[in-house]
PDB file of N, CA and C in Angstrom:
ATOM      1  N   UNK A   1      12.600  -0.667 -46.985  1.00  0.00           N
ATOM      2  CA  UNK A   1      13.605   0.151 -46.354  1.00  0.00           C
ATOM      3  C   UNK A   1      14.976  -0.333 -46.828  1.00  0.00           C
ATOM      4  N   UNK A   2      15.756   0.525 -47.354  1.00  0.00           N
ATOM      5  CA  UNK A   2      17.086   0.139 -47.829  1.00  0.00           C
ATOM      6  C   UNK A   2      18.113   0.317 -46.713  1.00  0.00           C
ATOM      7  N   UNK A   3      19.305  -0.172 -46.940  1.00  0.00           N
ATOM      8  CA  UNK A   3      20.353  -0.071 -45.931  1.00  0.00           C
ATOM      9  C   UNK A   3      20.794   1.371 -45.692  1.00  0.00           C
ATOM     10  N   UNK A   4      20.603   2.217 -46.659  1.00  0.00           N
ATOM     11  CA  UNK A   4      21.013   3.613 -46.511  1.00  0.00           C
ATOM     12  C   UNK A   4      19.878   4.498 -46.009  1.00  0.00           C
ATOM     13  N   UNK A   5      18.724   3.900 -45.759  1.00  0.00           N
ATOM     14  CA  UNK A   5      17.569   4.673 -45.303  1.00  0.00           C
ATOM     15  C   UNK A   5      17.767   5.053 -43.837  1.00  0.00           C
ATOM     16  N   UNK A   6      17.772   6.333 -43.547  1.00  0.00           N
ATOM     17  CA  UNK A   6      17.962   6.814 -42.174  1.00  0.00           C
ATOM     18  C   UNK A   6      16.724   7.553 -41.684  1.00  0.00           C
ATOM     19  N   UNK A   7      15.561   7.121 -42.151  1.00  0.00           N
ATOM     20  CA  UNK A   7      14.338   7.788 -41.703  1.00  0.00           C
ATOM     21  C   UNK A   7      14.095   7.465 -40.230  1.00  0.00           C
ATOM     22  N   UNK A   8      13.558   8.418 -39.548  1.00  0.00           N
ATOM     23  CA  UNK A   8      13.320   8.260 -38.113  1.00  0.00           C
ATOM     24  C   UNK A   8      11.845   7.972 -37.872  1.00  0.00           C
ATOM     25  N   UNK A   9      11.600   7.189 -36.832  1.00  0.00           N
ATOM     26  CA  UNK A   9      10.224   6.948 -36.399  1.00  0.00           C
ATOM     27  C   UNK A   9      10.130   7.300 -34.922  1.00  0.00           C
ATOM     28  N   UNK A  10       8.908   7.464 -34.425  1.00  0.00           N
ATOM     29  CA  UNK A  10       8.701   7.834 -33.024  1.00  0.00           C
ATOM     30  C   UNK A  10       8.542   6.578 -32.174  1.00  0.00           C
ATOM     31  N   UNK A  11       9.186   6.573 -31.030  1.00  0.00           N
ATOM     32  CA  UNK A  11       9.055   5.487 -30.061  1.00  0.00           C
ATOM     33  C   UNK A  11       7.605   5.460 -29.579  1.00  0.00           C
ATOM     34  N   UNK A  12       7.014   4.271 -29.502  1.00  0.00           N
ATOM     35  CA  UNK A  12       5.616   4.167 -29.087  1.00  0.00           C
ATOM     36  C   UNK A  12       5.422   4.460 -27.604  1.00  0.00           C
ATOM     37  N   UNK A  13       6.493   4.448 -26.824  1.00  0.00           N
ATOM     38  CA  UNK A  13       6.356   4.725 -25.391  1.00  0.00           C
ATOM     39  C   UNK A  13       6.694   6.173 -25.054  1.00  0.00           C
ATOM     40  N   UNK A  14       7.883   6.627 -25.430  1.00  0.00           N
ATOM     41  CA  UNK A  14       8.324   7.973 -25.034  1.00  0.00           C
ATOM     42  C   UNK A  14       8.155   9.011 -26.141  1.00  0.00           C
ATOM     43  N   UNK A  15       7.831   8.581 -27.353  1.00  0.00           N
ATOM     44  CA  UNK A  15       7.592   9.467 -28.499  1.00  0.00           C
ATOM     45  C   UNK A  15       8.841  10.179 -29.007  1.00  0.00           C
ATOM     46  N   UNK A  16      10.032   9.758 -28.577  1.00  0.00           N
ATOM     47  CA  UNK A  16      11.264  10.340 -29.124  1.00  0.00           C
ATOM     48  C   UNK A  16      11.522   9.742 -30.498  1.00  0.00           C
ATOM     49  N   UNK A  17      12.148  10.513 -31.341  1.00  0.00           N
ATOM     50  CA  UNK A  17      12.501  10.045 -32.685  1.00  0.00           C
ATOM     51  C   UNK A  17      13.782   9.217 -32.605  1.00  0.00           C
ATOM     52  N   UNK A  18      13.833   8.123 -33.379  1.00  0.00           N
ATOM     53  CA  UNK A  18      15.030   7.295 -33.437  1.00  0.00           C
ATOM     54  C   UNK A  18      15.090   6.612 -34.796  1.00  0.00           C
ATOM     55  N   UNK A  19      16.280   6.177 -35.162  1.00  0.00           N
ATOM     56  CA  UNK A  19      16.477   5.429 -36.408  1.00  0.00           C
ATOM     57  C   UNK A  19      16.413   3.950 -36.045  1.00  0.00           C
ATOM     58  N   UNK A  20      15.443   3.212 -36.574  1.00  0.00           N
ATOM     59  CA  UNK A  20      15.314   1.797 -36.196  1.00  0.00           C
ATOM     60  C   UNK A  20      16.438   0.948 -36.780  1.00  0.00           C
ATOM     61  N   UNK A  21      16.725  -0.160 -36.108  1.00  0.00           N
ATOM     62  CA  UNK A  21      17.692  -1.118 -36.622  1.00  0.00           C
ATOM     63  C   UNK A  21      17.029  -1.870 -37.771  1.00  0.00           C
ATOM     64  N   UNK A  22      17.809  -2.451 -38.606  1.00  0.00           N
ATOM     65  CA  UNK A  22      17.276  -3.053 -39.829  1.00  0.00           C
ATOM     66  C   UNK A  22      16.842  -4.513 -39.656  1.00  0.00           C
ATOM     67  N   UNK A  23      17.050  -5.098 -38.513  1.00  0.00           N
ATOM     68  CA  UNK A  23      16.795  -6.529 -38.365  1.00  0.00           C
ATOM     69  C   UNK A  23      15.322  -6.873 -38.151  1.00  0.00           C
ATOM     70  N   UNK A  24      14.548  -6.020 -37.538  1.00  0.00           N
ATOM     71  CA  UNK A  24      13.147  -6.310 -37.243  1.00  0.00           C
ATOM     72  C   UNK A  24      12.361  -5.017 -37.202  1.00  0.00           C
ATOM     73  N   UNK A  25      11.060  -5.137 -37.094  1.00  0.00           N
ATOM     74  CA  UNK A  25      10.218  -3.954 -36.956  1.00  0.00           C
ATOM     75  C   UNK A  25      10.377  -3.484 -35.519  1.00  0.00           C
ATOM     76  N   UNK A  26      10.880  -2.299 -35.357  1.00  0.00           N
ATOM     77  CA  UNK A  26      11.207  -1.794 -34.034  1.00  0.00           C
ATOM     78  C   UNK A  26      10.188  -0.738 -33.631  1.00  0.00           C
ATOM     79  N   UNK A  27       9.504  -0.966 -32.501  1.00  0.00           N
ATOM     80  CA  UNK A  27       8.487  -0.032 -32.016  1.00  0.00           C
ATOM     81  C   UNK A  27       9.042   0.946 -30.990  1.00  0.00           C
ATOM     82  N   UNK A  28      10.070   0.530 -30.264  1.00  0.00           N
ATOM     83  CA  UNK A  28      10.583   1.316 -29.144  1.00  0.00           C
ATOM     84  C   UNK A  28      12.033   1.699 -29.402  1.00  0.00           C
ATOM     85  N   UNK A  29      12.461   2.812 -28.817  1.00  0.00           N
ATOM     86  CA  UNK A  29      13.826   3.303 -29.040  1.00  0.00           C
ATOM     87  C   UNK A  29      14.869   2.450 -28.328  1.00  0.00           C
ATOM     88  N   UNK A  30      14.481   1.729 -27.292  1.00  0.00           N
ATOM     89  CA  UNK A  30      15.435   0.892 -26.579  1.00  0.00           C
ATOM     90  C   UNK A  30      14.745  -0.013 -25.573  1.00  0.00           C
ATOM     91  N   UNK A  31      15.542  -0.797 -24.870  1.00  0.00           N
ATOM     92  CA  UNK A  31      15.007  -1.740 -23.890  1.00  0.00           C
ATOM     93  C   UNK A  31      14.238  -1.072 -22.755  1.00  0.00           C
ATOM     94  N   UNK A  32      14.710   0.055 -22.189  1.00  0.00           N
ATOM     95  CA  UNK A  32      13.945   0.668 -21.099  1.00  0.00           C
ATOM     96  C   UNK A  32      12.511   1.024 -21.501  1.00  0.00           C
ATOM     97  N   UNK A  33      12.335   1.566 -22.708  1.00  0.00           N
ATOM     98  CA  UNK A  33      10.982   1.914 -23.163  1.00  0.00           C
ATOM     99  C   UNK A  33      10.162   0.656 -23.431  1.00  0.00           C
ATOM    100  N   UNK A  34      10.796  -0.378 -23.974  1.00  0.00           N
ATOM    101  CA  UNK A  34      10.088  -1.634 -24.250  1.00  0.00           C
ATOM    102  C   UNK A  34       9.605  -2.275 -22.954  1.00  0.00           C
ATOM    103  N   UNK A  35      10.463  -2.318 -21.937  1.00  0.00           N
ATOM    104  CA  UNK A  35      10.102  -2.907 -20.648  1.00  0.00           C
ATOM    105  C   UNK A  35       9.036  -2.063 -19.953  1.00  0.00           C
ATOM    106  N   UNK A  36       9.181  -0.741 -19.994  1.00  0.00           N
ATOM    107  CA  UNK A  36       8.197   0.139 -19.365  1.00  0.00           C
ATOM    108  C   UNK A  36       6.837  -0.007 -20.030  1.00  0.00           C
ATOM    109  N   UNK A  37       6.802  -0.152 -21.350  1.00  0.00           N
ATOM    110  CA  UNK A  37       5.534  -0.341 -22.057  1.00  0.00           C
ATOM    111  C   UNK A  37       4.898  -1.671 -21.673  1.00  0.00           C
ATOM    112  N   UNK A  38       5.711  -2.706 -21.537  1.00  0.00           N
ATOM    113  CA  UNK A  38       5.200  -4.016 -21.117  1.00  0.00           C
ATOM    114  C   UNK A  38       4.628  -3.938 -19.707  1.00  0.00           C
ATOM    115  N   UNK A  39       5.351  -3.280 -18.799  1.00  0.00           N
ATOM    116  CA  UNK A  39       4.862  -3.116 -17.427  1.00  0.00           C
ATOM    117  C   UNK A  39       3.572  -2.319 -17.402  1.00  0.00           C
ATOM    118  N   UNK A  40       3.481  -1.310 -18.239  1.00  0.00           N
ATOM    119  CA  UNK A  40       2.277  -0.485 -18.283  1.00  0.00           C
ATOM    120  C   UNK A  40       1.091  -1.315 -18.778  1.00  0.00           C
ATOM    121  N   UNK A  41       1.304  -2.128 -19.806  1.00  0.00           N
ATOM    122  CA  UNK A  41       0.220  -2.970 -20.321  1.00  0.00           C
ATOM    123  C   UNK A  41      -0.228  -3.984 -19.280  1.00  0.00           C
ATOM    124  N   UNK A  42       0.724  -4.517 -18.510  1.00  0.00           N
ATOM    125  CA  UNK A  42       0.417  -5.537 -17.507  1.00  0.00           C
ATOM    126  C   UNK A  42      -0.119  -4.934 -16.216  1.00  0.00           C
ATOM    127  N   UNK A  43      -0.075  -3.616 -16.082  1.00  0.00           N
ATOM    128  CA  UNK A  43      -0.577  -2.977 -14.866  1.00  0.00           C
ATOM    129  C   UNK A  43       0.388  -3.041 -13.706  1.00  0.00           C
ATOM    130  N   UNK A  44       1.643  -3.326 -13.989  1.00  0.00           N
ATOM    131  CA  UNK A  44       2.646  -3.368 -12.922  1.00  0.00           C
ATOM    132  C   UNK A  44       3.205  -1.978 -12.689  1.00  0.00           C
ATOM    133  N   UNK A  45       3.773  -1.797 -11.512  1.00  0.00           N
ATOM    134  CA  UNK A  45       4.363  -0.504 -11.155  1.00  0.00           C
ATOM    135  C   UNK A  45       5.616  -0.254 -11.983  1.00  0.00           C
ATOM    136  N   UNK A  46       5.936   0.988 -12.127  1.00  0.00           N
ATOM    137  CA  UNK A  46       7.175   1.357 -12.805  1.00  0.00           C
ATOM    138  C   UNK A  46       8.334   0.872 -11.946  1.00  0.00           C
ATOM    139  N   UNK A  47       9.358   0.253 -12.524  1.00  0.00           N
ATOM    140  CA  UNK A  47      10.433  -0.309 -11.707  1.00  0.00           C
ATOM    141  C   UNK A  47      11.186   0.719 -10.873  1.00  0.00           C
ATOM    142  N   UNK A  48      11.135   1.985 -11.253  1.00  0.00           N
ATOM    143  CA  UNK A  48      11.853   3.000 -10.495  1.00  0.00           C
ATOM    144  C   UNK A  48      10.990   3.646  -9.414  1.00  0.00           C
ATOM    145  N   UNK A  49       9.715   3.272  -9.337  1.00  0.00           N
ATOM    146  CA  UNK A  49       8.835   3.845  -8.321  1.00  0.00           C
ATOM    147  C   UNK A  49       9.222   3.264  -6.959  1.00  0.00           C
ATOM    148  N   UNK A  50       9.379   4.111  -5.966  1.00  0.00           N
ATOM    149  CA  UNK A  50       9.819   3.641  -4.658  1.00  0.00           C
ATOM    150  C   UNK A  50       8.711   2.838  -3.979  1.00  0.00           C
ATOM    151  N   UNK A  51       9.116   1.983  -3.050  1.00  0.00           N
ATOM    152  CA  UNK A  51       8.148   1.155  -2.339  1.00  0.00           C
ATOM    153  C   UNK A  51       7.169   2.001  -1.541  1.00  0.00           C
ATOM    154  N   UNK A  52       7.654   3.092  -0.933  1.00  0.00           N
ATOM    155  CA  UNK A  52       6.747   3.944  -0.164  1.00  0.00           C
ATOM    156  C   UNK A  52       5.746   4.631  -1.078  1.00  0.00           C
ATOM    157  N   UNK A  53       6.168   5.006  -2.277  1.00  0.00           N
ATOM    158  CA  UNK A  53       5.240   5.625  -3.225  1.00  0.00           C
ATOM    159  C   UNK A  53       4.198   4.619  -3.691  1.00  0.00           C
ATOM    160  N   UNK A  54       4.611   3.370  -3.884  1.00  0.00           N
ATOM    161  CA  UNK A  54       3.671   2.323  -4.292  1.00  0.00           C
ATOM    162  C   UNK A  54       2.635   2.109  -3.199  1.00  0.00           C
ATOM    163  N   UNK A  55       3.090   2.011  -1.930  1.00  0.00           N
ATOM    164  CA  UNK A  55       2.160   1.796  -0.820  1.00  0.00           C
ATOM    165  C   UNK A  55       1.201   2.959  -0.665  1.00  0.00           C
ATOM    166  N   UNK A  56       1.703   4.186  -0.797  1.00  0.00           N
ATOM    167  CA  UNK A  56       0.839   5.364  -0.674  1.00  0.00           C
ATOM    168  C   UNK A  56      -0.199   5.388  -1.788  1.00  0.00           C
ATOM    169  N   UNK A  57       0.215   5.037  -3.000  1.00  0.00           N
ATOM    170  CA  UNK A  57      -0.729   5.021  -4.125  1.00  0.00           C
ATOM    171  C   UNK A  57      -1.798   3.958  -3.907  1.00  0.00           C
ATOM    172  N   UNK A  58      -1.409   2.779  -3.424  1.00  0.00           N
ATOM    173  CA  UNK A  58      -2.388   1.704  -3.189  1.00  0.00           C
ATOM    174  C   UNK A  58      -3.347   2.058  -2.060  1.00  0.00           C
ATOM    175  N   UNK A  59      -2.825   2.694  -0.978  1.00  0.00           N
ATOM    176  CA  UNK A  59      -3.710   3.121   0.114  1.00  0.00           C
ATOM    177  C   UNK A  59      -4.729   4.128  -0.392  1.00  0.00           C
ATOM    178  N   UNK A  60      -4.273   5.040  -1.231  1.00  0.00           N
ATOM    179  CA  UNK A  60      -5.170   6.055  -1.777  1.00  0.00           C
ATOM    180  C   UNK A  60      -6.236   5.410  -2.656  1.00  0.00           C
ATOM    181  N   UNK A  61      -5.841   4.419  -3.464  1.00  0.00           N
ATOM    182  CA  UNK A  61      -6.793   3.728  -4.323  1.00  0.00           C
ATOM    183  C   UNK A  61      -7.835   2.976  -3.502  1.00  0.00           C
ATOM    184  N   UNK A  62      -7.445   2.439  -2.364  1.00  0.00           N
ATOM    185  CA  UNK A  62      -8.364   1.672  -1.522  1.00  0.00           C
ATOM    186  C   UNK A  62      -9.147   2.544  -0.544  1.00  0.00           C
ATOM    187  N   UNK A  63      -8.834   3.839  -0.502  1.00  0.00           N
ATOM    188  CA  UNK A  63      -9.514   4.715   0.442  1.00  0.00           C
ATOM    189  C   UNK A  63      -9.028   4.539   1.862  1.00  0.00           C
ATOM    190  N   UNK A  64      -7.770   4.140   2.024  1.00  0.00           N
ATOM    191  CA  UNK A  64      -7.220   3.890   3.358  1.00  0.00           C
ATOM    192  C   UNK A  64      -6.112   4.878   3.679  1.00  0.00           C
ATOM    193  N   UNK A  65      -6.313   6.115   3.315  1.00  0.00           N
ATOM    194  CA  UNK A  65      -5.341   7.143   3.655  1.00  0.00           C
ATOM    195  C   UNK A  65      -5.440   7.424   5.148  1.00  0.00           C
ATOM    196  N   UNK A  66      -4.438   8.044   5.762  1.00  0.00           N
ATOM    197  CA  UNK A  66      -4.497   8.322   7.200  1.00  0.00           C
ATOM    198  C   UNK A  66      -5.730   9.123   7.607  1.00  0.00           C
ATOM    199  N   UNK A  67      -6.174  10.050   6.781  1.00  0.00           N
ATOM    200  CA  UNK A  67      -7.370  10.825   7.137  1.00  0.00           C
ATOM    201  C   UNK A  67      -8.615   9.960   7.064  1.00  0.00           C
ATOM    202  N   UNK A  68      -8.673   9.044   6.092  1.00  0.00           N
ATOM    203  CA  UNK A  68      -9.838   8.166   5.986  1.00  0.00           C
ATOM    204  C   UNK A  68      -9.897   7.209   7.166  1.00  0.00           C
ATOM    205  N   UNK A  69      -8.743   6.728   7.596  1.00  0.00           N
ATOM    206  CA  UNK A  69      -8.707   5.817   8.737  1.00  0.00           C
ATOM    207  C   UNK A  69      -9.079   6.558  10.017  1.00  0.00           C
ATOM    208  N   UNK A  70      -8.635   7.804  10.163  1.00  0.00           N
ATOM    209  CA  UNK A  70      -8.934   8.581  11.366  1.00  0.00           C
ATOM    210  C   UNK A  70     -10.419   8.895  11.468  1.00  0.00           C
ATOM    211  N   UNK A  71     -11.088   9.087  10.344  1.00  0.00           N
ATOM    212  CA  UNK A  71     -12.512   9.409  10.393  1.00  0.00           C
ATOM    213  C   UNK A  71     -13.357   8.189  10.714  1.00  0.00           C
ATOM    214  N   UNK A  72     -12.852   7.002  10.384  1.00  0.00           N
ATOM    215  CA  UNK A  72     -13.601   5.788  10.701  1.00  0.00           C
ATOM    216  C   UNK A  72     -13.472   5.508  12.200  1.00  0.00           C
ATOM    217  N   UNK A  73     -14.602   5.439  12.876  1.00  0.00           N
ATOM    218  CA  UNK A  73     -14.571   5.221  14.325  1.00  0.00           C
ATOM    219  C   UNK A  73     -14.574   3.731  14.623  1.00  0.00           C
ATOM    220  N   UNK A  74     -13.911   3.362  15.705  1.00  0.00           N
ATOM    221  CA  UNK A  74     -13.873   1.967  16.121  1.00  0.00           C
ATOM    222  C   UNK A  74     -15.233   1.567  16.668  1.00  0.00           C
ATOM    223  N   UNK A  75     -15.653   0.368  16.344  1.00  0.00           N
ATOM    224  CA  UNK A  75     -16.949  -0.107  16.825  1.00  0.00           C
ATOM    225  C   UNK A  75     -16.824  -0.518  18.291  1.00  0.00           C
ATOM    226  N   UNK A  76     -17.957  -0.564  19.030  1.00  0.00           N
ATOM    227  CA  UNK A  76     -17.902  -0.989  20.440  1.00  0.00           C
ATOM    228  C   UNK A  76     -17.323  -2.389  20.601  1.00  0.00           C
ATOM    229  N   UNK A  77     -17.599  -3.276  19.664  1.00  0.00           N
ATOM    230  CA  UNK A  77     -17.067  -4.635  19.765  1.00  0.00           C
ATOM    231  C   UNK A  77     -15.539  -4.610  19.711  1.00  0.00           C
ATOM    232  N   UNK A  78     -14.985  -3.754  18.885  1.00  0.00           N
ATOM    233  CA  UNK A  78     -13.535  -3.638  18.781  1.00  0.00           C
ATOM    234  C   UNK A  78     -12.949  -3.130  20.091  1.00  0.00           C
ATOM    235  N   UNK A  79     -13.604  -2.158  20.706  1.00  0.00           N
ATOM    236  CA  UNK A  79     -13.127  -1.626  21.987  1.00  0.00           C
ATOM    237  C   UNK A  79     -13.178  -2.692  23.073  1.00  0.00           C
ATOM    238  N   UNK A  80     -14.227  -3.523  23.071  1.00  0.00           N
ATOM    239  CA  UNK A  80     -14.332  -4.604  24.057  1.00  0.00           C
ATOM    240  C   UNK A  80     -13.215  -5.629  23.853  1.00  0.00           C
ATOM    241  N   UNK A  81     -12.924  -5.922  22.614  1.00  0.00           N
ATOM    242  CA  UNK A  81     -11.859  -6.883  22.313  1.00  0.00           C
ATOM    243  C   UNK A  81     -10.512  -6.338  22.772  1.00  0.00           C
ATOM    244  N   UNK A  82     -10.260  -5.054  22.514  1.00  0.00           N
ATOM    245  CA  UNK A  82      -9.004  -4.451  22.946  1.00  0.00           C
ATOM    246  C   UNK A  82      -8.881  -4.444  24.465  1.00  0.00           C
ATOM    247  N   UNK A  83      -9.992  -4.200  25.174  1.00  0.00           N
ATOM    248  CA  UNK A  83      -9.964  -4.231  26.636  1.00  0.00           C
ATOM    249  C   UNK A  83      -9.653  -5.641  27.133  1.00  0.00           C
ATOM    250  N   UNK A  84     -10.247  -6.649  26.507  1.00  0.00           N
ATOM    251  CA  UNK A  84      -9.994  -8.035  26.900  1.00  0.00           C
ATOM    252  C   UNK A  84      -8.536  -8.416  26.643  1.00  0.00           C
ATOM    253  N   UNK A  85      -7.975  -7.941  25.546  1.00  0.00           N
ATOM    254  CA  UNK A  85      -6.568  -8.222  25.250  1.00  0.00           C
ATOM    255  C   UNK A  85      -5.673  -7.581  26.307  1.00  0.00           C
ATOM    256  N   UNK A  86      -6.009  -6.372  26.743  1.00  0.00           N
ATOM    257  CA  UNK A  86      -5.235  -5.704  27.785  1.00  0.00           C
ATOM    258  C   UNK A  86      -5.272  -6.472  29.095  1.00  0.00           C
ATOM    259  N   UNK A  87      -6.464  -6.969  29.475  1.00  0.00           N
ATOM    260  CA  UNK A  87      -6.590  -7.754  30.702  1.00  0.00           C
ATOM    261  C   UNK A  87      -5.793  -9.054  30.597  1.00  0.00           C
ATOM    262  N   UNK A  88      -5.850  -9.681  29.440  1.00  0.00           N
ATOM    263  CA  UNK A  88      -5.110 -10.921  29.242  1.00  0.00           C
ATOM    264  C   UNK A  88      -3.603 -10.686  29.359  1.00  0.00           C
ATOM    265  N   UNK A  89      -3.131  -9.577  28.821  1.00  0.00           N
ATOM    266  CA  UNK A  89      -1.703  -9.262  28.911  1.00  0.00           C
ATOM    267  C   UNK A  89      -1.285  -9.057  30.364  1.00  0.00           C
ATOM    268  N   UNK A  90      -2.130  -8.398  31.156  1.00  0.00           N
ATOM    269  CA  UNK A  90      -1.822  -8.200  32.579  1.00  0.00           C
ATOM    270  C   UNK A  90      -1.765  -9.534  33.306  1.00  0.00           C
ATOM    271  N   UNK A  91      -2.706 -10.419  33.018  1.00  0.00           N
ATOM    272  CA  UNK A  91      -2.730 -11.730  33.677  1.00  0.00           C
ATOM    273  C   UNK A  91      -1.501 -12.552  33.299  1.00  0.00           C
ATOM    274  N   UNK A  92      -1.098 -12.472  32.036  1.00  0.00           N
ATOM    275  CA  UNK A  92       0.078 -13.236  31.610  1.00  0.00           C
ATOM    276  C   UNK A  92       1.340 -12.713  32.283  1.00  0.00           C
ATOM    277  N   UNK A  93       1.435 -11.406  32.466  1.00  0.00           N
ATOM    278  CA  UNK A  93       2.588 -10.830  33.157  1.00  0.00           C
ATOM    279  C   UNK A  93       2.632 -11.320  34.601  1.00  0.00           C
ATOM    280  N   UNK A  94       1.479 -11.323  35.274  1.00  0.00           N
ATOM    281  CA  UNK A  94       1.415 -11.806  36.656  1.00  0.00           C
ATOM    282  C   UNK A  94       1.771 -13.286  36.722  1.00  0.00           C
ATOM    283  N   UNK A  95       1.304 -14.066  35.749  1.00  0.00           N
ATOM    284  CA  UNK A  95       1.593 -15.490  35.733  1.00  0.00           C
ATOM    285  C   UNK A  95       3.092 -15.736  35.519  1.00  0.00           C
ATOM    286  N   UNK A  96       3.724 -14.951  34.660  1.00  0.00           N
ATOM    287  CA  UNK A  96       5.159 -15.103  34.438  1.00  0.00           C
ATOM    288  C   UNK A  96       5.948 -14.769  35.704  1.00  0.00           C
ATOM    289  N   UNK A  97       5.498 -13.769  36.459  1.00  0.00           N
ATOM    290  CA  UNK A  97       6.171 -13.423  37.714  1.00  0.00           C
ATOM    291  C   UNK A  97       6.032 -14.553  38.722  1.00  0.00           C
ATOM    292  N   UNK A  98       4.835 -15.146  38.812  1.00  0.00           N
ATOM    293  CA  UNK A  98       4.639 -16.274  39.726  1.00  0.00           C
ATOM    294  C   UNK A  98       5.488 -17.471  39.301  1.00  0.00           C
ATOM    295  N   UNK A  99       5.603 -17.694  38.019  1.00  0.00           N
ATOM    296  CA  UNK A  99       6.413 -18.791  37.519  1.00  0.00           C
ATOM    297  C   UNK A  99       7.882 -18.593  37.899  1.00  0.00           C
ATOM    298  N   UNK A 100       8.389 -17.369  37.783  1.00  0.00           N
ATOM    299  CA  UNK A 100       9.770 -17.085  38.165  1.00  0.00           C
ATOM    300  C   UNK A 100       9.984 -17.319  39.661  1.00  0.00           C
ATOM    301  N   UNK A 101       9.006 -16.904  40.481  1.00  0.00           N
ATOM    302  CA  UNK A 101       9.119 -17.107  41.931  1.00  0.00           C
ATOM    303  C   UNK A 101       9.116 -18.594  42.265  1.00  0.00           C
ATOM    304  N   UNK A 102       8.255 -19.359  41.594  1.00  0.00           N
ATOM    305  CA  UNK A 102       8.179 -20.797  41.841  1.00  0.00           C
ATOM    306  C   UNK A 102       9.481 -21.486  41.440  1.00  0.00           C
ATOM    307  N   UNK A 103      10.041 -21.098  40.317  1.00  0.00           N
ATOM    308  CA  UNK A 103      11.310 -21.676  39.896  1.00  0.00           C
ATOM    309  C   UNK A 103      12.429 -21.334  40.875  1.00  0.00           C
ATOM    310  N   UNK A 104      12.390 -20.137  41.421  1.00  0.00           N
ATOM    311  CA  UNK A 104      13.409 -19.737  42.398  1.00  0.00           C
ATOM    312  C   UNK A 104      13.295 -20.581  43.666  1.00  0.00           C
ATOM    313  N   UNK A 105      12.069 -20.968  44.054  1.00  0.00           N
ATOM    314  CA  UNK A 105      11.883 -21.797  45.247  1.00  0.00           C
ATOM    315  C   UNK A 105      12.280 -23.249  44.994  1.00  0.00           C
ATOM    316  N   UNK A 106      11.967 -23.751  43.799  1.00  0.00           N
ATOM    317  CA  UNK A 106      12.209 -25.161  43.514  1.00  0.00           C
ATOM    318  C   UNK A 106      13.664 -25.452  43.162  1.00  0.00           C
ATOM    319  N   UNK A 107      14.302 -24.547  42.460  1.00  0.00           N
ATOM    320  CA  UNK A 107      15.684 -24.777  42.054  1.00  0.00           C
ATOM    321  C   UNK A 107      16.625 -24.088  43.032  1.00  0.00           C
ATOM    322  N   UNK A 108      17.536 -24.844  43.591  1.00  0.00           N
ATOM    323  CA  UNK A 108      18.485 -24.205  44.511  1.00  0.00           C
ATOM    324  C   UNK A 108      19.430 -23.290  43.730  1.00  0.00           C
ATOM    325  N   UNK A 109      19.890 -22.240  44.355  1.00  0.00           N
ATOM    326  CA  UNK A 109      20.815 -21.343  43.657  1.00  0.00           C
ATOM    327  C   UNK A 109      22.123 -22.067  43.337  1.00  0.00           C
ATOM    328  N   UNK A 110      22.665 -21.783  42.182  1.00  0.00           N
ATOM    329  CA  UNK A 110      23.914 -22.422  41.748  1.00  0.00           C
ATOM    330  C   UNK A 110      25.075 -21.820  42.526  1.00  0.00           C
ATOM    331  N   UNK A 111      25.911 -22.703  43.076  1.00  0.00           N
ATOM    332  CA  UNK A 111      27.070 -22.229  43.844  1.00  0.00           C
ATOM    333  C   UNK A 111      28.355 -22.684  43.236  1.00  0.00           C
TER     334      UNK A 111
END
């Protein structure tokens, strides 16, 4: 390739035609295409993809979309655990109320 050679080649990522620089063998038209190609090879998300889009895509890949989760029924053991957690929360609330009453009896009011 001579210095006056202005032949164009296609970018390996976006396929646009560009005139390569003379310093090295250039595969991509610029840094954005080079970085995007590297991310694609590594299996990373596109840097401009929003976080919500990434999460939705991953949920879909795992089969955890809202409709898939809704169709899966909770097992009886899960329901028993949730009931026990509810009872425990009620007991803790009652215990906190008793603790406040006891503190009110033991500590004289500040004057």
